[in-house]
PDB file of N, CA and C in Angstrom:
ATOM      1  N   MET A   1       0.863  -1.248  -0.068  1.00  0.00           N
ATOM      2  CA  MET A   1       0.023  -0.050   0.046  1.00  0.00           C
ATOM      3  C   MET A   1       0.946   1.281  -0.179  1.00  0.00           C
ATOM      4  N   LYS A   2       0.671   2.068  -0.825  1.00  0.00           N
ATOM      5  CA  LYS A   2       1.436   3.514  -0.935  1.00  0.00           C
ATOM      6  C   LYS A   2       0.650   4.607  -0.684  1.00  0.00           C
ATOM      7  N   ARG A   3      -0.722   4.703  -0.589  1.00  0.00           N
ATOM      8  CA  ARG A   3      -1.613   5.949  -0.424  1.00  0.00           C
ATOM      9  C   ARG A   3      -2.635   5.419   0.053  1.00  0.00           C
ATOM     10  N   ILE A   4      -3.260   6.337   0.998  1.00  0.00           N
ATOM     11  CA  ILE A   4      -4.554   6.164   1.473  1.00  0.00           C
ATOM     12  C   ILE A   4      -5.641   7.100   0.993  1.00  0.00           C
ATOM     13  N   LEU A   5      -6.626   6.949   0.340  1.00  0.00           N
ATOM     14  CA  LEU A   5      -7.778   7.870   0.055  1.00  0.00           C
ATOM     15  C   LEU A   5      -8.696   8.156   0.844  1.00  0.00           C
ATOM     16  N   ALA A   6      -8.720   9.312   1.601  1.00  0.00           N
ATOM     17  CA  ALA A   6      -9.507   9.442   2.735  1.00  0.00           C
ATOM     18  C   ALA A   6     -10.597  10.607   2.220  1.00  0.00           C
ATOM     19  N   SER A   7     -11.825  10.332   2.196  1.00  0.00           N
ATOM     20  CA  SER A   7     -12.842  11.226   1.721  1.00  0.00           C
ATOM     21  C   SER A   7     -13.313  11.930   2.905  1.00  0.00           C
ATOM     22  N   THR A   8     -13.834  13.179   2.776  1.00  0.00           N
ATOM     23  CA  THR A   8     -14.330  14.102   3.835  1.00  0.00           C
ATOM     24  C   THR A   8     -15.554  14.880   3.396  1.00  0.00           C
ATOM     25  N   ASP A   9     -16.351  15.123   4.492  1.00  0.00           N
ATOM     26  CA  ASP A   9     -17.218  16.347   4.347  1.00  0.00           C
ATOM     27  C   ASP A   9     -17.100  17.203   5.467  1.00  0.00           C
ATOM     28  N   PHE A  10     -16.005  17.070   6.049  1.00  0.00           N
ATOM     29  CA  PHE A  10     -15.625  17.941   7.097  1.00  0.00           C
ATOM     30  C   PHE A  10     -16.415  17.809   8.588  1.00  0.00           C
ATOM     31  N   SER A  11     -17.031  16.799   8.442  1.00  0.00           N
ATOM     32  CA  SER A  11     -17.852  16.519   9.765  1.00  0.00           C
ATOM     33  C   SER A  11     -17.064  15.946  10.917  1.00  0.00           C
ATOM     34  N   ALA A  12     -17.547  15.874  12.254  1.00  0.00           N
ATOM     35  CA  ALA A  12     -16.718  15.393  13.223  1.00  0.00           C
ATOM     36  C   ALA A  12     -16.369  13.815  12.837  1.00  0.00           C
ATOM     37  N   ASP A  13     -17.366  13.014  12.251  1.00  0.00           N
ATOM     38  CA  ASP A  13     -17.226  11.665  11.803  1.00  0.00           C
ATOM     39  C   ASP A  13     -15.772  11.447  10.816  1.00  0.00           C
ATOM     40  N   ALA A  14     -15.940  12.480   9.909  1.00  0.00           N
ATOM     41  CA  ALA A  14     -14.999  12.461   8.906  1.00  0.00           C
ATOM     42  C   ALA A  14     -13.481  12.902   9.520  1.00  0.00           C
ATOM     43  N   GLU A  15     -13.424  13.775  10.509  1.00  0.00           N
ATOM     44  CA  GLU A  15     -12.215  14.084  11.266  1.00  0.00           C
ATOM     45  C   GLU A  15     -11.779  12.885  11.989  1.00  0.00           C
ATOM     46  N   ASN A  16     -12.639  12.019  12.741  1.00  0.00           N
ATOM     47  CA  ASN A  16     -12.175  10.834  13.196  1.00  0.00           C
ATOM     48  C   ASN A  16     -11.653   9.806  12.274  1.00  0.00           C
ATOM     49  N   ALA A  17     -12.193   9.644  11.085  1.00  0.00           N
ATOM     50  CA  ALA A  17     -11.876   8.880  10.031  1.00  0.00           C
ATOM     51  C   ALA A  17     -10.289   9.315   9.509  1.00  0.00           C
ATOM     52  N   LEU A  18     -10.248  10.547   9.454  1.00  0.00           N
ATOM     53  CA  LEU A  18      -8.943  10.987   8.827  1.00  0.00           C
ATOM     54  C   LEU A  18      -8.007  10.745  10.029  1.00  0.00           C
ATOM     55  N   SER A  19      -8.085  11.011  11.287  1.00  0.00           N
ATOM     56  CA  SER A  19      -7.400  10.782  12.304  1.00  0.00           C
ATOM     57  C   SER A  19      -6.824   9.108  12.272  1.00  0.00           C
ATOM     58  N   VAL A  20      -7.506   8.292  12.080  1.00  0.00           N
ATOM     59  CA  VAL A  20      -7.228   6.807  11.869  1.00  0.00           C
ATOM     60  C   VAL A  20      -6.480   6.614  10.728  1.00  0.00           C
ATOM     61  N   ALA A  21      -6.915   7.314   9.549  1.00  0.00           N
ATOM     62  CA  ALA A  21      -5.901   7.016   8.324  1.00  0.00           C
ATOM     63  C   ALA A  21      -4.556   7.805   8.673  1.00  0.00           C
ATOM     64  N   GLU A  22      -4.524   9.097   9.410  1.00  0.00           N
ATOM     65  CA  GLU A  22      -3.277   9.272   9.773  1.00  0.00           C
ATOM     66  C   GLU A  22      -2.289   8.454  10.635  1.00  0.00           C
ATOM     67  N   GLN A  23      -2.980   7.702  11.693  1.00  0.00           N
ATOM     68  CA  GLN A  23      -2.217   6.767  12.395  1.00  0.00           C
ATOM     69  C   GLN A  23      -1.634   5.728  11.487  1.00  0.00           C
ATOM     70  N   ILE A  24      -2.684   5.249  10.692  1.00  0.00           N
ATOM     71  CA  ILE A  24      -2.294   3.817   9.726  1.00  0.00           C
ATOM     72  C   ILE A  24      -0.937   4.548   8.789  1.00  0.00           C
ATOM     73  N   ALA A  25      -1.189   5.709   8.411  1.00  0.00           N
ATOM     74  CA  ALA A  25       0.112   6.180   7.172  1.00  0.00           C
ATOM     75  C   ALA A  25       1.221   6.505   8.053  1.00  0.00           C
ATOM     76  N   LYS A  26       1.112   7.053   9.350  1.00  0.00           N
ATOM     77  CA  LYS A  26       2.490   7.140   9.933  1.00  0.00           C
ATOM     78  C   LYS A  26       3.107   5.852  10.233  1.00  0.00           C
ATOM     79  N   ARG A  27       2.359   4.806  10.719  1.00  0.00           N
ATOM     80  CA  ARG A  27       3.004   3.539  10.887  1.00  0.00           C
ATOM     81  C   ARG A  27       3.620   2.709   9.790  1.00  0.00           C
ATOM     82  N   ASN A  28       3.035   3.022   8.597  1.00  0.00           N
ATOM     83  CA  ASN A  28       3.476   2.410   7.316  1.00  0.00           C
ATOM     84  C   ASN A  28       4.170   3.248   6.355  1.00  0.00           C
ATOM     85  N   ASN A  29       4.688   4.552   6.784  1.00  0.00           N
ATOM     86  CA  ASN A  29       5.365   5.340   6.012  1.00  0.00           C
ATOM     87  C   ASN A  29       4.501   5.689   4.474  1.00  0.00           C
ATOM     88  N   ILE A  30       3.283   5.906   4.649  1.00  0.00           N
ATOM     89  CA  ILE A  30       2.638   6.034   3.410  1.00  0.00           C
ATOM     90  C   ILE A  30       1.770   7.326   3.556  1.00  0.00           C
ATOM     91  N   GLU A  31       1.419   7.899   2.305  1.00  0.00           N
ATOM     92  CA  GLU A  31       0.920   9.288   2.186  1.00  0.00           C
ATOM     93  C   GLU A  31      -0.460   9.278   2.359  1.00  0.00           C
ATOM     94  N   ILE A  32      -1.230  10.172   2.624  1.00  0.00           N
ATOM     95  CA  ILE A  32      -2.849  10.268   2.370  1.00  0.00           C
ATOM     96  C   ILE A  32      -3.213  11.422   1.466  1.00  0.00           C
ATOM     97  N   ALA A  33      -4.107  10.910   0.711  1.00  0.00           N
ATOM     98  CA  ALA A  33      -4.783  11.832  -0.125  1.00  0.00           C
ATOM     99  C   ALA A  33      -6.098  12.073   0.197  1.00  0.00           C
ATOM    100  N   LEU A  34      -6.439  13.336   0.197  1.00  0.00           N
ATOM    101  CA  LEU A  34      -7.724  13.689   0.815  1.00  0.00           C
ATOM    102  C   LEU A  34      -8.636  14.340  -0.354  1.00  0.00           C
ATOM    103  N   LEU A  35      -9.992  13.734  -0.311  1.00  0.00           N
ATOM    104  CA  LEU A  35     -10.833  13.972  -1.407  1.00  0.00           C
ATOM    105  C   LEU A  35     -12.184  14.550  -0.738  1.00  0.00           C
ATOM    106  N   HIS A  36     -12.776  15.667  -1.263  1.00  0.00           N
ATOM    107  CA  HIS A  36     -13.800  16.590  -0.935  1.00  0.00           C
ATOM    108  C   HIS A  36     -14.567  16.534  -1.943  1.00  0.00           C
ATOM    109  N   MET A  37     -15.833  16.237  -2.185  1.00  0.00           N
ATOM    110  CA  MET A  37     -16.551  16.508  -3.357  1.00  0.00           C
ATOM    111  C   MET A  37     -17.844  17.470  -3.249  1.00  0.00           C
ATOM    112  N   MET A  38     -17.959  18.426  -4.056  1.00  0.00           N
ATOM    113  CA  MET A  38     -19.041  19.291  -3.988  1.00  0.00           C
ATOM    114  C   MET A  38     -20.021  19.094  -5.096  1.00  0.00           C
ATOM    115  N   LYS A  39     -21.216  19.288  -4.658  1.00  0.00           N
ATOM    116  CA  LYS A  39     -22.449  19.428  -5.721  1.00  0.00           C
ATOM    117  C   LYS A  39     -22.550  20.761  -6.454  1.00  0.00           C
ATOM    118  N   ILE A  40     -22.508  20.634  -7.719  1.00  0.00           N
ATOM    119  CA  ILE A  40     -22.742  21.985  -8.466  1.00  0.00           C
ATOM    120  C   ILE A  40     -24.065  22.426  -8.312  1.00  0.00           C
ATOM    121  N   PRO A  41     -24.629  23.472  -8.056  1.00  0.00           N
ATOM    122  CA  PRO A  41     -25.826  23.922  -8.138  1.00  0.00           C
ATOM    123  C   PRO A  41     -26.288  23.972  -9.707  1.00  0.00           C
ATOM    124  N   THR A  42     -27.819  23.553  -9.884  1.00  0.00           N
ATOM    125  CA  THR A  42     -28.298  23.429 -11.108  1.00  0.00           C
ATOM    126  C   THR A  42     -28.142  24.530 -11.873  1.00  0.00           C
ATOM    127  N   GLN A  43     -28.182  25.705 -11.349  1.00  0.00           N
ATOM    128  CA  GLN A  43     -28.172  27.135 -12.101  1.00  0.00           C
ATOM    129  C   GLN A  43     -26.862  27.022 -12.981  1.00  0.00           C
ATOM    130  N   MET A  44     -25.759  26.424 -12.426  1.00  0.00           N
ATOM    131  CA  MET A  44     -24.433  26.483 -13.137  1.00  0.00           C
ATOM    132  C   MET A  44     -24.273  25.659 -14.161  1.00  0.00           C
ATOM    133  N   ASN A  45     -25.104  24.407 -14.264  1.00  0.00           N
ATOM    134  CA  ASN A  45     -24.655  23.285 -14.930  1.00  0.00           C
ATOM    135  C   ASN A  45     -24.580  23.701 -16.514  1.00  0.00           C
ATOM    136  N   ASN A  46     -25.522  24.567 -16.763  1.00  0.00           N
ATOM    137  CA  ASN A  46     -25.289  24.793 -18.426  1.00  0.00           C
ATOM    138  C   ASN A  46     -23.860  25.186 -18.856  1.00  0.00           C
ATOM    139  N   THR A  47     -23.117  25.751 -17.920  1.00  0.00           N
ATOM    140  CA  THR A  47     -21.564  26.046 -18.446  1.00  0.00           C
ATOM    141  C   THR A  47     -20.825  24.729 -18.395  1.00  0.00           C
ATOM    142  N   ILE A  48     -21.253  23.810 -17.945  1.00  0.00           N
ATOM    143  CA  ILE A  48     -20.508  22.420 -17.968  1.00  0.00           C
ATOM    144  C   ILE A  48     -21.206  21.557 -18.985  1.00  0.00           C
ATOM    145  N   THR A  49     -22.215  21.404 -19.079  1.00  0.00           N
ATOM    146  CA  THR A  49     -23.089  20.374 -19.915  1.00  0.00           C
ATOM    147  C   THR A  49     -23.093  20.771 -21.290  1.00  0.00           C
ATOM    148  N   GLU A  50     -23.215  22.358 -21.639  1.00  0.00           N
ATOM    149  CA  GLU A  50     -23.513  22.647 -23.016  1.00  0.00           C
ATOM    150  C   GLU A  50     -22.025  23.421 -23.543  1.00  0.00           C
ATOM    151  N   PRO A  51     -21.684  23.043 -24.606  1.00  0.00           N
ATOM    152  CA  PRO A  51     -20.403  23.492 -25.213  1.00  0.00           C
ATOM    153  C   PRO A  51     -20.613  25.075 -25.365  1.00  0.00           C
ATOM    154  N   GLN A  52     -19.467  25.963 -25.167  1.00  0.00           N
ATOM    155  CA  GLN A  52     -19.448  27.102 -25.153  1.00  0.00           C
ATOM    156  C   GLN A  52     -18.525  27.451 -26.475  1.00  0.00           C
ATOM    157  N   VAL A  53     -19.023  28.402 -27.292  1.00  0.00           N
ATOM    158  CA  VAL A  53     -18.437  28.704 -28.657  1.00  0.00           C
ATOM    159  C   VAL A  53     -17.741  30.144 -28.238  1.00  0.00           C
ATOM    160  N   PHE A  54     -16.472  30.195 -28.307  1.00  0.00           N
ATOM    161  CA  PHE A  54     -15.799  31.488 -27.886  1.00  0.00           C
ATOM    162  C   PHE A  54     -15.326  32.382 -29.422  1.00  0.00           C
ATOM    163  N   TRP A  55     -15.483  31.630 -30.461  1.00  0.00           N
ATOM    164  CA  TRP A  55     -15.017  32.123 -31.817  1.00  0.00           C
ATOM    165  C   TRP A  55     -15.734  31.501 -32.799  1.00  0.00           C
ATOM    166  N   LYS A  56     -16.004  32.244 -33.962  1.00  0.00           N
ATOM    167  CA  LYS A  56     -16.724  31.589 -35.096  1.00  0.00           C
ATOM    168  C   LYS A  56     -15.746  31.505 -36.250  1.00  0.00           C
TER     169      LYS A  56
END
């Protein structure tokens, strides 16, 4: 194992899980990658789902 992927929502439970991941990483000399996902509001979806033309 070279890396631990720890997801977070910055809650107290996620902090506890990150603390455990940190202990495992220190004991095994491996790194932690922290992942946080966000939901994009539907008002902004058109800039992602629809192609934008900047020149003709």
